[in-house]
Amino acid sequence: MSTHASDPLAALGSLPGVADAVDSVRKAVDRVYGHRVMRRRSNEISSEAALRGARGSAALSGADWALEEVRRRTDFSADAEARTVGAALRLGAEAGQLLSIWRQSPMRVLARLHLVASGDAGIPGGSAGAAGTGTAVGAVGDSVGRPRLDGETVDEPLVDAPLPTPSEVAGRLDGLAELIVAGGDAPALVTAAIVHGELLALRPFTSYNGPVARAAERIVLVGSGLDPKAICPAEVGHAEQGTAAYLAAFEGYLSGTPEGVGGWIAHCGRSVELGVRESTAVCEALQRGAA
């Protein structure tokens, strides 16, 4: 058993409001997994959750498209908003392929996520990304798939907090990776929220940091076993709570106070619960024959 002294993520479980958030999320997830539709149509629920999660993540990054617009579009290269939506869709499709790698090499996964989000732009011989999602052109050359260097700018439309230096980014990423590889007793919600918050704070890449951070959160929630079928898209809940609430909770995380970090974790928990509600509605629609 890990102790809190050697497992700092587990220690965060005692922060204000966190235990209640963890318990509430667990109960919500159990309820949707117990829905009768899940017994025979879980793949459809997972696919719909991925689509809706991608729409939510893109909305937070400034591309707030209607779900049906995301569903019908095939070209995601026309403009910045389209590229953002395409990146979110590619990340949603890729996340499930990286679960087995995350616990062994989280840095490798993060690099892959940025590569996928960027659509392999600027990579000699690179592909155009997932079929039907277009090619992003926002990231250039060898800045894709690696942490930014001194002098490189960051395109992050949502977060304007002070940007850590590349050396600080490297140190904190190494520390985060060590915690992930070591494992521990922290609830999945706590680990997912910290991974999300830390990546958003560091903005380690020159582009697509928000979508990558939210995709990493999803990987933790799914890979931990909390949501093994990926039907509880936290991105939906983050978008539903709104940009102002997302940024306010994130400011709490940046403050480093027990209340602030606990509030961020609780906010992420509420986002998972709203994702559960979304998938429950999809289950109900399928049961009625309306979807």
C-alpha atoms as a PDB file:
ATOM      1  CA  MET A   1       0.000   0.000   0.000  1.00  0.00           C
ATOM      2  CA  SER A   2       1.197   3.489  -0.803  1.00  0.00           C
ATOM      3  CA  THR A   3       1.409   6.099   1.895  1.00  0.00           C
ATOM      4  CA  HIS A   4       0.448   9.699   1.375  1.00  0.00           C
ATOM      5  CA  ALA A   5       4.067  10.706   1.930  1.00  0.00           C
ATOM      6  CA  SER A   6       5.165   8.687  -1.101  1.00  0.00           C
ATOM      7  CA  ASP A   7       1.910   9.136  -3.033  1.00  0.00           C
ATOM      8  CA  PRO A   8       1.157  12.864  -3.263  1.00  0.00           C
ATOM      9  CA  LEU A   9      -1.777  12.305  -5.609  1.00  0.00           C
ATOM     10  CA  ALA A  10      -3.504  10.116  -3.034  1.00  0.00           C
ATOM     11  CA  ALA A  11      -2.997  12.848  -0.445  1.00  0.00           C
ATOM     12  CA  LEU A  12      -5.147  15.164  -2.573  1.00  0.00           C
ATOM     13  CA  GLY A  13      -8.113  12.936  -1.793  1.00  0.00           C
ATOM     14  CA  SER A  14      -8.365  14.640   1.588  1.00  0.00           C
ATOM     15  CA  LEU A  15      -8.723  18.150   0.159  1.00  0.00           C
ATOM     16  CA  PRO A  16     -12.005  20.001   0.741  1.00  0.00           C
ATOM     17  CA  GLY A  17     -14.867  18.514  -1.270  1.00  0.00           C
ATOM     18  CA  VAL A  18     -12.793  15.880  -3.031  1.00  0.00           C
ATOM     19  CA  ALA A  19     -14.041  12.788  -1.208  1.00  0.00           C
ATOM     20  CA  ASP A  20     -17.645  13.785  -1.905  1.00  0.00           C
ATOM     21  CA  ALA A  21     -16.837  14.425  -5.565  1.00  0.00           C
ATOM     22  CA  VAL A  22     -15.139  11.049  -5.934  1.00  0.00           C
ATOM     23  CA  ASP A  23     -18.091   9.266  -4.332  1.00  0.00           C
ATOM     24  CA  SER A  24     -20.645  11.139  -6.432  1.00  0.00           C
ATOM     25  CA  VAL A  25     -18.788  10.360  -9.663  1.00  0.00           C
ATOM     26  CA  ARG A  26     -18.492   6.676  -8.796  1.00  0.00           C
ATOM     27  CA  LYS A  27     -22.213   6.403  -8.142  1.00  0.00           C
ATOM     28  CA  ALA A  28     -23.106   8.265 -11.343  1.00  0.00           C
ATOM     29  CA  VAL A  29     -20.833   6.073 -13.464  1.00  0.00           C
ATOM     30  CA  ASP A  30     -22.223   2.906 -11.895  1.00  0.00           C
ATOM     31  CA  ARG A  31     -25.767   4.018 -12.716  1.00  0.00           C
ATOM     32  CA  VAL A  32     -25.150   4.547 -16.423  1.00  0.00           C
ATOM     33  CA  TYR A  33     -23.196   1.293 -16.710  1.00  0.00           C
ATOM     34  CA  GLY A  34     -26.218  -0.444 -15.227  1.00  0.00           C
ATOM     35  CA  HIS A  35     -28.570   0.886 -17.903  1.00  0.00           C
ATOM     36  CA  ARG A  36     -30.202  -1.938 -19.836  1.00  0.00           C
ATOM     37  CA  VAL A  37     -29.146  -0.446 -23.212  1.00  0.00           C
ATOM     38  CA  MET A  38     -25.488  -0.773 -22.183  1.00  0.00           C
ATOM     39  CA  ARG A  39     -25.828  -4.547 -22.158  1.00  0.00           C
ATOM     40  CA  ARG A  40     -26.305  -4.781 -25.912  1.00  0.00           C
ATOM     41  CA  ARG A  41     -25.421  -1.432 -27.500  1.00  0.00           C
ATOM     42  CA  SER A  42     -22.422  -0.158 -25.531  1.00  0.00           C
ATOM     43  CA  ASN A  43     -20.356   0.346 -28.693  1.00  0.00           C
ATOM     44  CA  GLU A  44     -22.907   2.816 -30.002  1.00  0.00           C
ATOM     45  CA  ILE A  45     -22.883   4.683 -26.698  1.00  0.00           C
ATOM     46  CA  SER A  46     -19.079   4.824 -26.764  1.00  0.00           C
ATOM     47  CA  SER A  47     -19.021   6.181 -30.309  1.00  0.00           C
ATOM     48  CA  GLU A  48     -21.599   8.821 -29.506  1.00  0.00           C
ATOM     49  CA  ALA A  49     -19.727   9.782 -26.322  1.00  0.00           C
ATOM     50  CA  ALA A  50     -16.524  10.261 -28.337  1.00  0.00           C
ATOM     51  CA  LEU A  51     -18.319  12.523 -30.809  1.00  0.00           C
ATOM     52  CA  ARG A  52     -19.976  14.593 -28.116  1.00  0.00           C
ATOM     53  CA  GLY A  53     -16.784  14.776 -26.100  1.00  0.00           C
ATOM     54  CA  ALA A  54     -14.887  16.068 -29.120  1.00  0.00           C
ATOM     55  CA  ARG A  55     -17.558  18.693 -29.717  1.00  0.00           C
ATOM     56  CA  GLY A  56     -17.279  19.813 -26.089  1.00  0.00           C
ATOM     57  CA  SER A  57     -13.501  20.031 -26.115  1.00  0.00           C
ATOM     58  CA  ALA A  58     -13.513  22.008 -29.357  1.00  0.00           C
ATOM     59  CA  ALA A  59     -16.124  24.376 -27.931  1.00  0.00           C
ATOM     60  CA  LEU A  60     -13.830  25.203 -25.015  1.00  0.00           C
ATOM     61  CA  SER A  61     -11.092  25.990 -27.527  1.00  0.00           C
ATOM     62  CA  GLY A  62     -13.313  28.452 -29.377  1.00  0.00           C
ATOM     63  CA  ALA A  63     -15.014  26.251 -31.968  1.00  0.00           C
ATOM     64  CA  ASP A  64     -18.509  25.959 -30.515  1.00  0.00           C
ATOM     65  CA  TRP A  65     -20.272  24.041 -33.262  1.00  0.00           C
ATOM     66  CA  ALA A  66     -23.656  22.386 -33.035  1.00  0.00           C
ATOM     67  CA  LEU A  67     -23.434  18.633 -32.591  1.00  0.00           C
ATOM     68  CA  GLU A  68     -25.165  17.935 -35.890  1.00  0.00           C
ATOM     69  CA  GLU A  69     -22.692  20.185 -37.692  1.00  0.00           C
ATOM     70  CA  VAL A  70     -19.820  18.158 -36.250  1.00  0.00           C
ATOM     71  CA  ARG A  71     -21.614  14.970 -37.217  1.00  0.00           C
ATOM     72  CA  ARG A  72     -22.258  15.917 -40.840  1.00  0.00           C
ATOM     73  CA  ARG A  73     -18.981  17.631 -41.740  1.00  0.00           C
ATOM     74  CA  THR A  74     -16.238  15.753 -43.554  1.00  0.00           C
ATOM     75  CA  ASP A  75     -13.792  18.589 -44.251  1.00  0.00           C
ATOM     76  CA  PHE A  76     -12.037  19.979 -41.181  1.00  0.00           C
ATOM     77  CA  SER A  77      -9.307  21.973 -42.893  1.00  0.00           C
ATOM     78  CA  ALA A  78     -11.161  25.065 -44.099  1.00  0.00           C
ATOM     79  CA  ASP A  79     -10.380  27.456 -41.255  1.00  0.00           C
ATOM     80  CA  ALA A  80      -9.118  27.677 -37.660  1.00  0.00           C
ATOM     81  CA  GLU A  81     -12.410  26.555 -36.116  1.00  0.00           C
ATOM     82  CA  ALA A  82     -12.673  23.595 -38.462  1.00  0.00           C
ATOM     83  CA  ARG A  83      -9.097  22.587 -37.656  1.00  0.00           C
ATOM     84  CA  THR A  84      -9.860  22.782 -33.939  1.00  0.00           C
ATOM     85  CA  VAL A  85     -12.876  20.506 -34.341  1.00  0.00           C
ATOM     86  CA  GLY A  86     -10.847  18.125 -36.491  1.00  0.00           C
ATOM     87  CA  ALA A  87      -8.112  18.009 -33.867  1.00  0.00           C
ATOM     88  CA  ALA A  88     -10.625  17.188 -31.132  1.00  0.00           C
ATOM     89  CA  LEU A  89     -12.145  14.405 -33.231  1.00  0.00           C
ATOM     90  CA  ARG A  90      -8.745  12.897 -33.992  1.00  0.00           C
ATOM     91  CA  LEU A  91      -7.796  13.019 -30.315  1.00  0.00           C
ATOM     92  CA  GLY A  92     -11.019  11.291 -29.327  1.00  0.00           C
ATOM     93  CA  ALA A  93     -10.348   8.516 -31.820  1.00  0.00           C
ATOM     94  CA  GLU A  94      -6.707   8.137 -30.801  1.00  0.00           C
ATOM     95  CA  ALA A  95      -7.102   8.192 -27.018  1.00  0.00           C
ATOM     96  CA  GLY A  96      -8.412   4.650 -26.809  1.00  0.00           C
ATOM     97  CA  GLN A  97      -5.380   3.353 -28.709  1.00  0.00           C
ATOM     98  CA  LEU A  98      -2.948   4.724 -26.136  1.00  0.00           C
ATOM     99  CA  LEU A  99      -4.304   3.255 -22.904  1.00  0.00           C
ATOM    100  CA  SER A 100      -1.712   0.493 -22.606  1.00  0.00           C
ATOM    101  CA  ILE A 101       1.157   2.908 -23.191  1.00  0.00           C
ATOM    102  CA  TRP A 102       0.094   5.628 -20.746  1.00  0.00           C
ATOM    103  CA  ARG A 103       1.182   3.931 -17.527  1.00  0.00           C
ATOM    104  CA  GLN A 104       4.569   2.974 -18.966  1.00  0.00           C
ATOM    105  CA  SER A 105       5.392   6.119 -20.933  1.00  0.00           C
ATOM    106  CA  PRO A 106       3.080   9.087 -20.429  1.00  0.00           C
ATOM    107  CA  MET A 107       5.504  11.434 -22.193  1.00  0.00           C
ATOM    108  CA  ARG A 108       5.353   9.273 -25.295  1.00  0.00           C
ATOM    109  CA  VAL A 109       1.557   9.426 -25.170  1.00  0.00           C
ATOM    110  CA  LEU A 110       1.520  13.210 -24.792  1.00  0.00           C
ATOM    111  CA  ALA A 111       3.851  13.567 -27.763  1.00  0.00           C
ATOM    112  CA  ARG A 112       1.591  11.303 -29.806  1.00  0.00           C
ATOM    113  CA  LEU A 113      -1.504  13.262 -28.786  1.00  0.00           C
ATOM    114  CA  HIS A 114       0.051  16.512 -29.954  1.00  0.00           C
ATOM    115  CA  LEU A 115       1.142  14.899 -33.201  1.00  0.00           C
ATOM    116  CA  VAL A 116      -2.397  13.628 -33.786  1.00  0.00           C
ATOM    117  CA  ALA A 117      -4.006  16.934 -32.854  1.00  0.00           C
ATOM    118  CA  SER A 118      -1.718  18.728 -35.289  1.00  0.00           C
ATOM    119  CA  GLY A 119      -2.603  16.320 -38.078  1.00  0.00           C
ATOM    120  CA  ASP A 120       1.093  15.500 -38.567  1.00  0.00           C
ATOM    121  CA  ALA A 121       1.508  19.005 -39.991  1.00  0.00           C
ATOM    122  CA  GLY A 122       5.054  19.765 -40.974  1.00  0.00           C
ATOM    123  CA  ILE A 123       6.258  16.214 -40.461  1.00  0.00           C
ATOM    124  CA  PRO A 124       8.094  14.904 -43.522  1.00  0.00           C
ATOM    125  CA  GLY A 125       6.110  11.977 -44.798  1.00  0.00           C
ATOM    126  CA  GLY A 126       3.430  12.537 -42.150  1.00  0.00           C
ATOM    127  CA  SER A 127      -0.135  11.509 -42.764  1.00  0.00           C
ATOM    128  CA  ALA A 128      -3.158  13.764 -42.835  1.00  0.00           C
ATOM    129  CA  GLY A 129      -4.492  12.330 -39.603  1.00  0.00           C
ATOM    130  CA  ALA A 130      -7.628  10.284 -39.094  1.00  0.00           C
ATOM    131  CA  ALA A 131      -9.809   9.760 -42.116  1.00  0.00           C
ATOM    132  CA  GLY A 132     -12.403  12.420 -42.588  1.00  0.00           C
ATOM    133  CA  THR A 133     -10.890  14.932 -40.166  1.00  0.00           C
ATOM    134  CA  GLY A 134      -8.653  16.911 -42.482  1.00  0.00           C
ATOM    135  CA  THR A 135      -5.130  18.131 -41.942  1.00  0.00           C
ATOM    136  CA  ALA A 136      -4.248  20.793 -39.421  1.00  0.00           C
ATOM    137  CA  VAL A 137      -1.769  23.437 -40.474  1.00  0.00           C
ATOM    138  CA  GLY A 138      -1.374  25.375 -37.251  1.00  0.00           C
ATOM    139  CA  ALA A 139       1.753  23.642 -36.007  1.00  0.00           C
ATOM    140  CA  VAL A 140       4.914  23.769 -38.047  1.00  0.00           C
ATOM    141  CA  GLY A 141       8.095  21.813 -38.535  1.00  0.00           C
ATOM    142  CA  ASP A 142       9.774  20.060 -35.666  1.00  0.00           C
ATOM    143  CA  SER A 143       7.700  21.799 -32.997  1.00  0.00           C
ATOM    144  CA  VAL A 144       5.068  19.090 -33.409  1.00  0.00           C
ATOM    145  CA  GLY A 145       5.123  16.248 -30.884  1.00  0.00           C
ATOM    146  CA  ARG A 146       7.687  17.687 -28.479  1.00  0.00           C
ATOM    147  CA  PRO A 147       7.724  20.252 -25.652  1.00  0.00           C
ATOM    148  CA  ARG A 148       8.320  23.831 -26.757  1.00  0.00           C
ATOM    149  CA  LEU A 149      11.752  25.443 -26.657  1.00  0.00           C
ATOM    150  CA  ASP A 150      12.964  28.874 -25.592  1.00  0.00           C
ATOM    151  CA  GLY A 151      11.664  31.512 -27.960  1.00  0.00           C
ATOM    152  CA  GLU A 152       8.773  29.459 -29.318  1.00  0.00           C
ATOM    153  CA  THR A 153       5.330  30.987 -28.923  1.00  0.00           C
ATOM    154  CA  VAL A 154       2.207  29.202 -27.714  1.00  0.00           C
ATOM    155  CA  ASP A 155      -1.134  29.410 -29.484  1.00  0.00           C
ATOM    156  CA  GLU A 156      -3.649  28.824 -26.678  1.00  0.00           C
ATOM    157  CA  PRO A 157      -6.863  30.811 -27.142  1.00  0.00           C
ATOM    158  CA  LEU A 158      -8.408  29.930 -23.791  1.00  0.00           C
ATOM    159  CA  VAL A 159      -5.720  30.350 -21.130  1.00  0.00           C
ATOM    160  CA  ASP A 160      -3.740  33.542 -20.641  1.00  0.00           C
ATOM    161  CA  ALA A 161      -2.054  32.667 -17.324  1.00  0.00           C
ATOM    162  CA  PRO A 162       1.709  33.266 -17.093  1.00  0.00           C
ATOM    163  CA  LEU A 163       3.569  30.768 -19.228  1.00  0.00           C
ATOM    164  CA  PRO A 164       6.152  28.557 -17.463  1.00  0.00           C
ATOM    165  CA  THR A 165       9.614  28.498 -18.978  1.00  0.00           C
ATOM    166  CA  PRO A 166      10.630  25.471 -21.049  1.00  0.00           C
ATOM    167  CA  SER A 167      12.990  24.353 -18.266  1.00  0.00           C
ATOM    168  CA  GLU A 168      10.170  24.511 -15.721  1.00  0.00           C
ATOM    169  CA  VAL A 169       7.907  22.657 -18.135  1.00  0.00           C
ATOM    170  CA  ALA A 170      10.487  19.892 -18.532  1.00  0.00           C
ATOM    171  CA  GLY A 171      10.922  19.478 -14.781  1.00  0.00           C
ATOM    172  CA  ARG A 172       7.223  19.412 -14.006  1.00  0.00           C
ATOM    173  CA  LEU A 173       6.436  17.051 -16.873  1.00  0.00           C
ATOM    174  CA  ASP A 174       9.115  14.682 -15.616  1.00  0.00           C
ATOM    175  CA  GLY A 175       7.605  14.837 -12.132  1.00  0.00           C
ATOM    176  CA  LEU A 176       4.107  14.181 -13.454  1.00  0.00           C
ATOM    177  CA  ALA A 177       5.340  11.261 -15.556  1.00  0.00           C
ATOM    178  CA  GLU A 178       7.086   9.747 -12.530  1.00  0.00           C
ATOM    179  CA  LEU A 179       3.860   9.859 -10.541  1.00  0.00           C
ATOM    180  CA  ILE A 180       1.918   8.192 -13.358  1.00  0.00           C
ATOM    181  CA  VAL A 181       4.480   5.438 -13.853  1.00  0.00           C
ATOM    182  CA  ALA A 182       4.783   4.799 -10.105  1.00  0.00           C
ATOM    183  CA  GLY A 183       1.037   4.380  -9.752  1.00  0.00           C
ATOM    184  CA  GLY A 184      -0.619   4.663  -6.360  1.00  0.00           C
ATOM    185  CA  ASP A 185      -3.881   4.773  -4.516  1.00  0.00           C
ATOM    186  CA  ALA A 186      -5.301   8.060  -5.767  1.00  0.00           C
ATOM    187  CA  PRO A 187      -8.858   7.869  -7.116  1.00  0.00           C
ATOM    188  CA  ALA A 188      -9.098   8.061 -10.889  1.00  0.00           C
ATOM    189  CA  LEU A 189     -10.901  11.394 -10.700  1.00  0.00           C
ATOM    190  CA  VAL A 190      -8.048  12.943  -8.706  1.00  0.00           C
ATOM    191  CA  THR A 191      -5.350  11.715 -11.086  1.00  0.00           C
ATOM    192  CA  ALA A 192      -7.340  12.733 -14.159  1.00  0.00           C
ATOM    193  CA  ALA A 193      -8.008  16.228 -12.807  1.00  0.00           C
ATOM    194  CA  ILE A 194      -4.359  16.787 -11.888  1.00  0.00           C
ATOM    195  CA  VAL A 195      -3.120  15.578 -15.277  1.00  0.00           C
ATOM    196  CA  HIS A 196      -5.626  17.884 -16.979  1.00  0.00           C
ATOM    197  CA  GLY A 197      -4.808  20.866 -14.768  1.00  0.00           C
ATOM    198  CA  GLU A 198      -1.051  20.436 -14.935  1.00  0.00           C
ATOM    199  CA  LEU A 199      -0.986  20.183 -18.725  1.00  0.00           C
ATOM    200  CA  LEU A 200      -3.212  23.240 -19.011  1.00  0.00           C
ATOM    201  CA  ALA A 201      -0.953  25.132 -16.620  1.00  0.00           C
ATOM    202  CA  LEU A 202       2.262  24.140 -18.403  1.00  0.00           C
ATOM    203  CA  ARG A 203       1.012  24.409 -21.993  1.00  0.00           C
ATOM    204  CA  PRO A 204       4.003  22.301 -23.019  1.00  0.00           C
ATOM    205  CA  PHE A 205       3.342  22.420 -26.758  1.00  0.00           C
ATOM    206  CA  THR A 206       3.161  25.270 -29.227  1.00  0.00           C
ATOM    207  CA  SER A 207      -0.476  24.487 -30.025  1.00  0.00           C
ATOM    208  CA  TYR A 208      -3.515  22.407 -29.056  1.00  0.00           C
ATOM    209  CA  ASN A 209      -2.629  22.291 -25.350  1.00  0.00           C
ATOM    210  CA  GLY A 210      -6.249  22.466 -24.196  1.00  0.00           C
ATOM    211  CA  PRO A 211      -7.493  19.607 -26.389  1.00  0.00           C
ATOM    212  CA  VAL A 212      -4.434  17.512 -25.482  1.00  0.00           C
ATOM    213  CA  ALA A 213      -4.988  18.140 -21.749  1.00  0.00           C
ATOM    214  CA  ARG A 214      -8.620  17.076 -21.997  1.00  0.00           C
ATOM    215  CA  ALA A 215      -7.714  13.991 -24.050  1.00  0.00           C
ATOM    216  CA  ALA A 216      -5.178  13.009 -21.381  1.00  0.00           C
ATOM    217  CA  GLU A 217      -7.883  13.392 -18.738  1.00  0.00           C
ATOM    218  CA  ARG A 218     -10.048  10.995 -20.747  1.00  0.00           C
ATOM    219  CA  ILE A 219      -7.188   8.480 -21.013  1.00  0.00           C
ATOM    220  CA  VAL A 220      -6.810   8.448 -17.234  1.00  0.00           C
ATOM    221  CA  LEU A 221     -10.537   8.028 -16.605  1.00  0.00           C
ATOM    222  CA  VAL A 222     -10.799   5.174 -19.093  1.00  0.00           C
ATOM    223  CA  GLY A 223      -7.482   3.476 -18.371  1.00  0.00           C
ATOM    224  CA  SER A 224      -8.046   3.522 -14.613  1.00  0.00           C
ATOM    225  CA  GLY A 225     -11.122   1.352 -14.976  1.00  0.00           C
ATOM    226  CA  LEU A 226     -13.529   4.045 -13.783  1.00  0.00           C
ATOM    227  CA  ASP A 227     -14.986   4.360 -17.292  1.00  0.00           C
ATOM    228  CA  PRO A 228     -13.578   1.387 -19.233  1.00  0.00           C
ATOM    229  CA  LYS A 229     -15.999   1.710 -22.143  1.00  0.00           C
ATOM    230  CA  ALA A 230     -15.377   5.472 -22.511  1.00  0.00           C
ATOM    231  CA  ILE A 231     -19.023   6.461 -22.195  1.00  0.00           C
ATOM    232  CA  CYS A 232     -18.668   9.305 -19.650  1.00  0.00           C
ATOM    233  CA  PRO A 233     -17.190  12.231 -21.624  1.00  0.00           C
ATOM    234  CA  ALA A 234     -15.950  14.825 -19.140  1.00  0.00           C
ATOM    235  CA  GLU A 235     -15.419  17.214 -22.062  1.00  0.00           C
ATOM    236  CA  VAL A 236     -19.192  17.455 -22.423  1.00  0.00           C
ATOM    237  CA  GLY A 237     -19.483  18.536 -18.808  1.00  0.00           C
ATOM    238  CA  HIS A 238     -16.624  21.027 -19.036  1.00  0.00           C
ATOM    239  CA  ALA A 239     -18.335  22.672 -21.983  1.00  0.00           C
ATOM    240  CA  GLU A 240     -21.781  22.564 -20.388  1.00  0.00           C
ATOM    241  CA  GLN A 241     -20.549  24.284 -17.236  1.00  0.00           C
ATOM    242  CA  GLY A 242     -19.185  27.018 -19.473  1.00  0.00           C
ATOM    243  CA  THR A 243     -15.876  28.669 -20.192  1.00  0.00           C
ATOM    244  CA  ALA A 244     -16.149  31.103 -17.274  1.00  0.00           C
ATOM    245  CA  ALA A 245     -16.651  28.307 -14.746  1.00  0.00           C
ATOM    246  CA  TYR A 246     -13.856  26.252 -16.353  1.00  0.00           C
ATOM    247  CA  LEU A 247     -11.405  29.131 -16.112  1.00  0.00           C
ATOM    248  CA  ALA A 248     -12.483  30.034 -12.575  1.00  0.00           C
ATOM    249  CA  ALA A 249     -11.883  26.463 -11.418  1.00  0.00           C
ATOM    250  CA  PHE A 250      -8.565  26.418 -13.259  1.00  0.00           C
ATOM    251  CA  GLU A 251      -7.510  29.624 -11.511  1.00  0.00           C
ATOM    252  CA  GLY A 252      -8.132  27.762  -8.283  1.00  0.00           C
ATOM    253  CA  TYR A 253      -5.818  24.998  -9.439  1.00  0.00           C
ATOM    254  CA  LEU A 254      -3.138  27.539 -10.323  1.00  0.00           C
ATOM    255  CA  SER A 255      -3.424  29.102  -6.865  1.00  0.00           C
ATOM    256  CA  GLY A 256      -2.133  25.877  -5.320  1.00  0.00           C
ATOM    257  CA  THR A 257      -4.306  26.327  -2.232  1.00  0.00           C
ATOM    258  CA  PRO A 258      -6.167  23.344  -0.769  1.00  0.00           C
ATOM    259  CA  GLU A 259      -9.478  25.004  -1.554  1.00  0.00           C
ATOM    260  CA  GLY A 260      -8.413  25.904  -5.085  1.00  0.00           C
ATOM    261  CA  VAL A 261      -7.031  22.499  -6.019  1.00  0.00           C
ATOM    262  CA  GLY A 262      -9.941  20.749  -4.328  1.00  0.00           C
ATOM    263  CA  GLY A 263     -12.349  22.984  -6.233  1.00  0.00           C
ATOM    264  CA  TRP A 264     -10.696  22.097  -9.536  1.00  0.00           C
ATOM    265  CA  ILE A 265     -10.977  18.379  -8.806  1.00  0.00           C
ATOM    266  CA  ALA A 266     -14.632  18.819  -7.827  1.00  0.00           C
ATOM    267  CA  HIS A 267     -15.247  20.786 -11.024  1.00  0.00           C
ATOM    268  CA  CYS A 268     -13.768  17.946 -13.062  1.00  0.00           C
ATOM    269  CA  GLY A 269     -15.951  15.520 -11.115  1.00  0.00           C
ATOM    270  CA  ARG A 270     -19.053  17.500 -11.933  1.00  0.00           C
ATOM    271  CA  SER A 271     -17.973  17.447 -15.587  1.00  0.00           C
ATOM    272  CA  VAL A 272     -17.812  13.655 -15.528  1.00  0.00           C
ATOM    273  CA  GLU A 273     -21.277  13.542 -13.972  1.00  0.00           C
ATOM    274  CA  LEU A 274     -22.643  15.768 -16.730  1.00  0.00           C
ATOM    275  CA  GLY A 275     -20.985  13.481 -19.273  1.00  0.00           C
ATOM    276  CA  VAL A 276     -22.777  10.580 -17.583  1.00  0.00           C
ATOM    277  CA  ARG A 277     -26.050  12.464 -17.882  1.00  0.00           C
ATOM    278  CA  GLU A 278     -25.417  12.978 -21.595  1.00  0.00           C
ATOM    279  CA  SER A 279     -24.792   9.296 -22.212  1.00  0.00           C
ATOM    280  CA  THR A 280     -27.799   8.332 -20.089  1.00  0.00           C
ATOM    281  CA  ALA A 281     -29.921  10.506 -22.381  1.00  0.00           C
ATOM    282  CA  VAL A 282     -28.435   8.704 -25.393  1.00  0.00           C
ATOM    283  CA  CYS A 283     -29.289   5.356 -23.776  1.00  0.00           C
ATOM    284  CA  GLU A 284     -32.846   6.508 -23.213  1.00  0.00           C
ATOM    285  CA  ALA A 285     -33.152   7.713 -26.803  1.00  0.00           C
ATOM    286  CA  LEU A 286     -31.894   4.386 -28.133  1.00  0.00           C
ATOM    287  CA  GLN A 287     -34.315   2.539 -25.881  1.00  0.00           C
ATOM    288  CA  ARG A 288     -37.206   4.577 -27.272  1.00  0.00           C
ATOM    289  CA  GLY A 289     -35.954   4.068 -30.823  1.00  0.00           C
ATOM    290  CA  ALA A 290     -35.333   7.790 -31.222  1.00  0.00           C
ATOM    291  CA  ALA A 291     -31.631   7.524 -32.012  1.00  0.00           C
END
